[in-house]
Protein backbone atom coordinates (compact mmCIF):
# COMPACT_ATOMS: atom_id res chain seq x y z
CA UNK A 1 41.89 7.15 2.41
CA UNK A 2 38.90 5.17 3.73
CA UNK A 3 37.67 5.73 7.28
CA UNK A 4 39.54 3.86 9.98
CA UNK A 5 36.58 1.59 10.73
CA UNK A 6 36.45 0.40 7.13
CA UNK A 7 40.22 -0.09 7.03
CA UNK A 8 39.99 -2.24 10.11
CA UNK A 9 37.26 -4.32 8.56
CA UNK A 10 39.41 -4.92 5.48
CA UNK A 11 42.32 -6.04 7.63
CA UNK A 12 40.26 -8.92 9.01
CA UNK A 13 38.04 -9.65 5.99
CA UNK A 14 38.09 -12.71 3.81
CA UNK A 15 38.84 -12.21 0.12
CA UNK A 16 35.13 -12.39 -0.80
CA UNK A 17 34.22 -9.91 1.95
CA UNK A 18 36.99 -7.56 0.84
CA UNK A 19 35.67 -7.80 -2.70
CA UNK A 20 32.24 -6.75 -1.48
CA UNK A 21 33.72 -3.82 0.44
CA UNK A 22 35.64 -2.74 -2.65
CA UNK A 23 32.40 -2.96 -4.64
CA UNK A 24 30.82 -0.59 -2.12
CA UNK A 25 33.54 1.98 -2.73
CA UNK A 26 32.67 1.93 -6.44
CA UNK A 27 28.91 1.34 -6.32
CA UNK A 28 27.85 3.63 -3.47
CA UNK A 29 29.77 6.90 -3.81
CA UNK A 30 28.96 9.57 -1.29
CA UNK A 31 27.38 7.17 1.23
CA UNK A 32 29.12 7.04 4.58
CA UNK A 33 30.12 3.53 5.71
CA UNK A 34 28.81 4.62 9.09
CA UNK A 35 25.32 4.72 7.57
CA UNK A 36 25.37 1.70 5.24
CA UNK A 37 28.24 -0.71 4.75
CA UNK A 38 29.00 -4.21 3.53
CA UNK A 39 28.03 -5.81 6.84
CA UNK A 40 24.61 -4.15 6.67
CA UNK A 41 24.11 -5.36 3.12
CA UNK A 42 25.06 -8.93 4.02
CA UNK A 43 22.70 -8.91 6.99
CA UNK A 44 19.80 -7.60 4.90
CA UNK A 45 20.53 -10.10 2.13
CA UNK A 46 20.50 -12.94 4.67
CA UNK A 47 17.19 -11.82 6.15
CA UNK A 48 15.62 -11.41 2.70
CA UNK A 49 16.72 -14.89 1.66
CA UNK A 50 15.52 -16.53 4.86
CA UNK A 51 12.19 -14.70 4.88
CA UNK A 52 11.24 -14.80 1.20
CA UNK A 53 13.88 -16.74 -0.73
CA UNK A 54 15.14 -13.55 -2.37
CA UNK A 55 18.68 -13.59 -3.72
CA UNK A 56 20.49 -10.25 -3.47
CA UNK A 57 23.86 -10.38 -5.23
CA UNK A 58 26.56 -7.82 -4.53
CA UNK A 59 25.48 -5.67 -7.46
CA UNK A 60 22.14 -4.96 -5.73
CA UNK A 61 23.71 -2.90 -2.94
CA UNK A 62 22.54 0.41 -4.38
CA UNK A 63 19.02 -0.98 -4.90
CA UNK A 64 18.88 -2.11 -1.27
CA UNK A 65 20.05 1.30 -0.09
CA UNK A 66 17.55 3.15 -2.30
CA UNK A 67 14.54 1.01 -1.45
CA UNK A 68 15.10 0.75 2.28
CA UNK A 69 16.27 4.31 2.97
CA UNK A 70 12.70 5.65 3.32
CA UNK A 71 11.91 2.89 5.83
CA UNK A 72 15.08 3.61 7.76
CA UNK A 73 14.04 7.26 8.02
CA UNK A 74 10.42 6.45 8.89
CA UNK A 75 11.52 4.26 11.80
CA UNK A 76 13.87 6.97 13.08
CA UNK A 77 16.86 4.67 12.73
CA UNK A 78 20.08 6.63 12.36
CA UNK A 79 21.87 3.85 10.47
CA UNK A 80 21.13 0.72 8.50
CA UNK A 81 22.78 -1.28 11.29
CA UNK A 82 20.05 -0.03 13.63
CA UNK A 83 17.41 -0.87 11.04
CA UNK A 84 18.78 -4.41 10.72
CA UNK A 85 18.22 -4.86 14.46
CA UNK A 86 14.71 -3.46 14.03
CA UNK A 87 13.66 -5.84 11.26
CA UNK A 88 15.09 -8.82 13.09
CA UNK A 89 12.86 -8.06 16.06
CA UNK A 90 9.78 -6.51 14.40
CA UNK A 91 7.82 -8.89 12.16
CA UNK A 92 5.64 -6.15 10.66
CA UNK A 93 8.63 -3.98 9.80
CA UNK A 94 10.43 -6.99 8.34
CA UNK A 95 7.47 -7.57 6.04
CA UNK A 96 7.56 -3.93 4.98
CA UNK A 97 11.24 -4.31 4.14
CA UNK A 98 10.58 -7.44 2.09
CA UNK A 99 7.77 -5.66 0.24
CA UNK A 100 10.11 -2.79 -0.58
CA UNK A 101 12.85 -5.12 -1.82
CA UNK A 102 10.52 -7.18 -4.02
CA UNK A 103 8.49 -4.32 -5.49
CA UNK A 104 8.22 -4.92 -9.23
CA UNK A 105 6.90 -2.58 -11.87
CA UNK A 106 4.20 -4.34 -13.83
CA UNK A 107 3.23 -3.13 -17.28
CA UNK A 108 0.00 -3.73 -19.15
CA UNK A 109 0.36 -6.05 -22.13
CA UNK A 110 4.03 -6.65 -21.40
CA UNK A 111 5.66 -9.22 -23.72
CA UNK A 112 2.73 -9.15 -26.19
CA UNK A 113 3.65 -12.48 -27.79
CA UNK A 114 2.41 -14.33 -24.72
CA UNK A 115 -0.91 -12.52 -24.64
CA UNK A 116 -1.26 -13.11 -28.37
CA UNK A 117 -0.69 -16.83 -27.75
CA UNK A 118 -3.23 -16.74 -24.92
CA UNK A 119 -5.78 -14.97 -27.14
CA UNK A 120 -5.29 -17.12 -30.23
CA UNK A 121 -4.53 -20.56 -28.79
CA UNK A 122 -6.05 -20.71 -25.32
CA UNK A 123 -8.98 -18.30 -25.34
CA UNK A 124 -11.23 -20.06 -27.91
CA UNK A 125 -11.46 -23.19 -25.77
CA UNK A 126 -12.20 -21.18 -22.64
CA UNK A 127 -14.93 -19.19 -24.38
CA UNK A 128 -16.60 -22.40 -25.54
CA UNK A 129 -16.31 -23.93 -22.08
CA UNK A 130 -17.71 -20.91 -20.25
CA UNK A 131 -20.63 -20.39 -22.62
CA UNK A 132 -21.35 -24.11 -22.31
CA UNK A 133 -21.69 -23.93 -18.54
CA UNK A 134 -18.14 -24.93 -17.56
CA UNK A 135 -15.70 -23.07 -15.36
CA UNK A 136 -12.34 -21.36 -15.91
CA UNK A 137 -9.88 -20.47 -13.17
CA UNK A 138 -6.92 -18.11 -13.70
CA UNK A 139 -4.05 -17.20 -11.39
CA UNK A 140 -1.63 -14.30 -11.69
CA UNK A 141 1.15 -15.30 -9.27
CA UNK A 142 3.44 -12.47 -8.25
CA UNK A 143 0.99 -10.05 -9.84
CA UNK A 144 2.69 -6.89 -8.52
CA UNK A 145 0.25 -3.98 -8.96
CA UNK A 146 -2.12 -6.05 -11.09
CA UNK A 147 -1.23 -5.22 -14.69
CA UNK A 148 -0.69 -8.86 -15.71
CA UNK A 149 -3.83 -10.01 -13.91
CA UNK A 150 -6.08 -7.41 -15.51
CA UNK A 151 -4.49 -7.90 -18.93
CA UNK A 152 -5.10 -11.65 -18.72
CA UNK A 153 -8.75 -11.17 -17.78
CA UNK A 154 -9.38 -8.47 -20.38
CA UNK A 155 -7.73 -10.58 -23.08
CA UNK A 156 -10.00 -13.51 -22.23
CA UNK A 157 -13.12 -11.34 -22.32
CA UNK A 158 -12.16 -10.02 -25.77
CA UNK A 159 -13.24 -6.93 -27.65
CA UNK A 160 -16.81 -8.13 -28.29
CA UNK A 161 -18.50 -6.50 -25.30
CA UNK A 162 -21.71 -8.52 -25.57
CA UNK A 163 -19.81 -11.80 -25.59
CA UNK A 164 -17.46 -10.54 -22.87
CA UNK A 165 -20.37 -9.66 -20.60
CA UNK A 166 -21.79 -13.14 -21.16
CA UNK A 167 -18.42 -14.63 -20.18
CA UNK A 168 -18.34 -12.39 -17.09
CA UNK A 169 -21.67 -13.87 -15.99
CA UNK A 170 -20.33 -17.41 -16.37
CA UNK A 171 -18.17 -19.36 -13.90
CA UNK A 172 -14.99 -17.34 -14.48
CA UNK A 173 -12.67 -16.29 -11.66
CA UNK A 174 -9.17 -14.82 -11.43
CA UNK A 175 -6.86 -14.86 -8.42
CA UNK A 176 -4.01 -12.36 -8.15
CA UNK A 177 -1.34 -12.77 -5.47
CA UNK A 178 1.83 -10.97 -4.46
CA UNK A 179 4.02 -10.77 -1.39
CA UNK A 180 3.86 -6.96 -1.43
CA UNK A 181 0.70 -5.73 0.29
CA UNK A 182 0.92 -2.19 -1.18
CA UNK A 183 0.97 -3.72 -4.66
CA UNK A 184 -2.09 -5.81 -3.83
CA UNK A 185 -3.91 -2.68 -2.66
CA UNK A 186 -3.21 -1.06 -6.03
CA UNK A 187 -4.47 -4.12 -7.90
CA UNK A 188 -7.69 -4.16 -5.87
CA UNK A 189 -8.27 -0.45 -6.48
CA UNK A 190 -8.22 -1.22 -10.23
CA UNK A 191 -7.32 2.38 -11.07
CA UNK A 192 -4.24 3.29 -13.09
CA UNK A 193 -2.79 6.20 -14.97
CA UNK A 194 -4.50 6.40 -18.35
CA UNK A 195 -1.04 6.60 -19.91
CA UNK A 196 -0.13 3.21 -18.39
CA UNK A 197 -3.05 1.50 -20.15
CA UNK A 198 -1.96 2.56 -23.64
CA UNK A 199 -0.02 -0.68 -24.34
CA UNK A 200 -3.36 -2.54 -24.29
CA UNK A 201 -4.80 -3.07 -27.78
CA UNK A 202 -7.22 -0.20 -28.36
CA UNK A 203 -10.35 -2.39 -28.79
CA UNK A 204 -9.70 -4.12 -25.45
CA UNK A 205 -8.92 -0.85 -23.71
CA UNK A 206 -12.10 0.75 -25.02
CA UNK A 207 -14.21 -2.26 -24.05
CA UNK A 208 -13.02 -2.81 -20.48
CA UNK A 209 -11.56 0.42 -19.06
CA UNK A 210 -13.19 3.70 -18.17
CA UNK A 211 -11.03 6.83 -18.55
CA UNK A 212 -11.39 9.69 -16.09
CA UNK A 213 -8.85 12.23 -17.25
CA UNK A 214 -5.36 11.26 -16.17
CA UNK A 215 -6.59 8.02 -14.59
CA UNK A 216 -8.65 5.09 -15.80
CA UNK A 217 -10.57 2.39 -13.96
CA UNK A 218 -11.09 -1.23 -14.91
CA UNK A 219 -14.78 -1.69 -15.77
CA UNK A 220 -16.74 -2.35 -12.53
CA UNK A 221 -18.68 -5.26 -14.02
CA UNK A 222 -15.50 -7.32 -14.34
CA UNK A 223 -13.84 -6.32 -11.08
CA UNK A 224 -16.15 -8.76 -9.29
CA UNK A 225 -14.45 -11.64 -11.13
CA UNK A 226 -11.17 -11.08 -9.30
CA UNK A 227 -9.71 -11.70 -5.87
CA UNK A 228 -6.36 -10.18 -4.89
CA UNK A 229 -4.52 -11.59 -1.89
CA UNK A 230 -1.13 -11.12 -0.21
CA UNK A 231 0.80 -14.38 -0.56
CA UNK A 232 4.38 -15.57 -0.21
CA UNK A 233 5.19 -18.17 -2.86
CA UNK A 234 7.59 -19.85 -0.43
CA UNK A 235 4.89 -20.25 2.20
CA UNK A 236 1.71 -22.30 2.36
CA UNK A 237 -0.54 -22.33 -0.70
CA UNK A 238 -4.07 -22.17 0.74
CA UNK A 239 -5.87 -22.00 -2.59
CA UNK A 240 -8.24 -24.89 -3.26
CA UNK A 241 -8.56 -26.53 -6.64
CA UNK A 242 -6.41 -26.16 -9.72
CA UNK A 243 -6.06 -23.41 -12.30
CA UNK A 244 -6.46 -23.54 -16.06
CA UNK A 245 -3.84 -20.85 -16.72
CA UNK A 246 -1.15 -19.37 -14.49
CA UNK A 247 0.89 -16.27 -15.29
CA UNK A 248 4.04 -15.95 -13.14
CA UNK A 249 6.23 -13.53 -15.05
CA UNK A 250 7.98 -11.29 -12.51
CA UNK A 251 8.40 -13.26 -9.28
CA UNK A 252 10.81 -16.06 -10.18
CA UNK A 253 13.71 -13.78 -11.03
CA UNK A 254 14.14 -13.02 -7.33
CA UNK A 255 15.07 -16.62 -6.46
CA UNK A 256 18.09 -18.88 -6.84
CA UNK A 257 18.07 -21.72 -9.38
CA UNK A 258 17.01 -24.50 -7.00
CA UNK A 259 14.16 -22.44 -5.53
CA UNK A 260 13.04 -21.41 -9.00
CA UNK A 261 12.94 -25.03 -10.17
CA UNK A 262 10.96 -26.08 -7.11
CA UNK A 263 8.45 -23.27 -7.61
CA UNK A 264 7.97 -24.04 -11.30
CA UNK A 265 7.17 -27.66 -10.43
CA UNK A 266 4.83 -26.48 -7.72
CA UNK A 267 3.08 -24.15 -10.14
CA UNK A 268 2.72 -27.06 -12.54
CA UNK A 269 1.03 -29.08 -9.80
CA UNK A 270 -1.56 -26.31 -9.48
CA UNK A 271 -2.46 -26.57 -13.18
CA UNK A 272 -5.25 -28.69 -14.54
CA UNK A 273 -4.09 -31.30 -17.09
CA UNK A 274 -3.54 -29.41 -20.34
CA UNK A 275 -3.34 -26.12 -18.44
CA UNK A 276 -1.01 -23.29 -19.43
CA UNK A 277 1.93 -21.68 -17.60
CA UNK A 278 3.43 -18.36 -18.73
CA UNK A 279 6.77 -17.37 -17.19
CA UNK A 280 9.00 -14.32 -17.56
CA UNK A 281 11.19 -14.07 -20.64
CA UNK A 282 14.35 -14.42 -18.56
CA UNK A 283 13.15 -17.41 -16.53
CA UNK A 284 15.15 -20.56 -17.25
CA UNK A 285 13.31 -23.85 -16.74
CA UNK A 286 15.36 -26.93 -15.86
CA UNK A 287 15.13 -30.19 -17.86
CA UNK A 288 13.43 -31.80 -14.85
CA UNK A 289 10.23 -29.95 -15.67
CA UNK A 290 10.03 -31.73 -19.03
CA UNK A 291 8.24 -34.62 -17.36
CA UNK A 292 5.41 -32.27 -16.48
CA UNK A 293 5.52 -29.30 -18.86
CA UNK A 294 5.79 -29.16 -22.64
CA UNK A 295 7.33 -26.01 -24.19
CA UNK A 296 4.81 -24.21 -26.40
CA UNK A 297 6.63 -20.96 -27.17
CA UNK A 298 8.97 -18.46 -25.52
CA UNK A 299 8.53 -18.87 -21.74
CA UNK A 300 5.22 -20.63 -22.43
CA UNK A 301 4.40 -24.18 -21.31
CA UNK A 302 1.50 -26.60 -21.33
CA UNK A 303 1.00 -29.24 -18.67
CA UNK A 304 1.03 -32.79 -19.94
CA UNK A 305 -2.32 -34.53 -19.87
CA UNK A 306 -0.87 -37.94 -18.97
């Protein structure tokens, strides 16, 4: 029999609320409702959506509990209800909670078909432009710990080290942004487990990473080409100028359909005419974007030139 407090909640709950409470009985075994219950989940989901546009469906209850439990302990809150009060009042703690909820694992050379497209279709024009005195600007939006950003840059530089070093001396810059400040710190450090770099094609890995036992560092001469900044995609976009290629492959899945559509159109606005946008494999683009973006492959789009 459930605790009396939970029974009382069910007696006055709507059908949808009762469904969520029932889901808690199944999804969170062994967790006392006095520590974390449906009301806590709803409150956290509301805060996350208001603060960062994140959608947390009922099935994410266990994820919320797992990711926020360390923060609850660190703030000496006895229950999630107390922590909800804390993050409503404490801006810094609220940001830490959002960072924990949006933390994404980024993998080097994930979804290789997009990097192959970038290398074969996009790169040749950029190489010619850079060696001819032009500029190239790249943006990894929602870059997590930096794997996509570094993979994009390394792919552009190529496995010819002499040519890559010439490109690195040209007007080439990459911006990496993410809402999670710990992830940005990892990206800036440019040091990863050597094992995590193995998905990179061997010639690229040998050209632009330096192994040191169990860890490897991105080559120092190309780190200067990057800037990593904390940034909320739903906030102001302070970046000046447009980008030639944007990778945004992990962030959009956190949002609802209308927010996702708005962000895709906004990303398109940040592209130069003819620029390229790479999204996550599960990201669905609405027909409205067809006026701006032309499909060029799985989750790959090119901005119209007229």
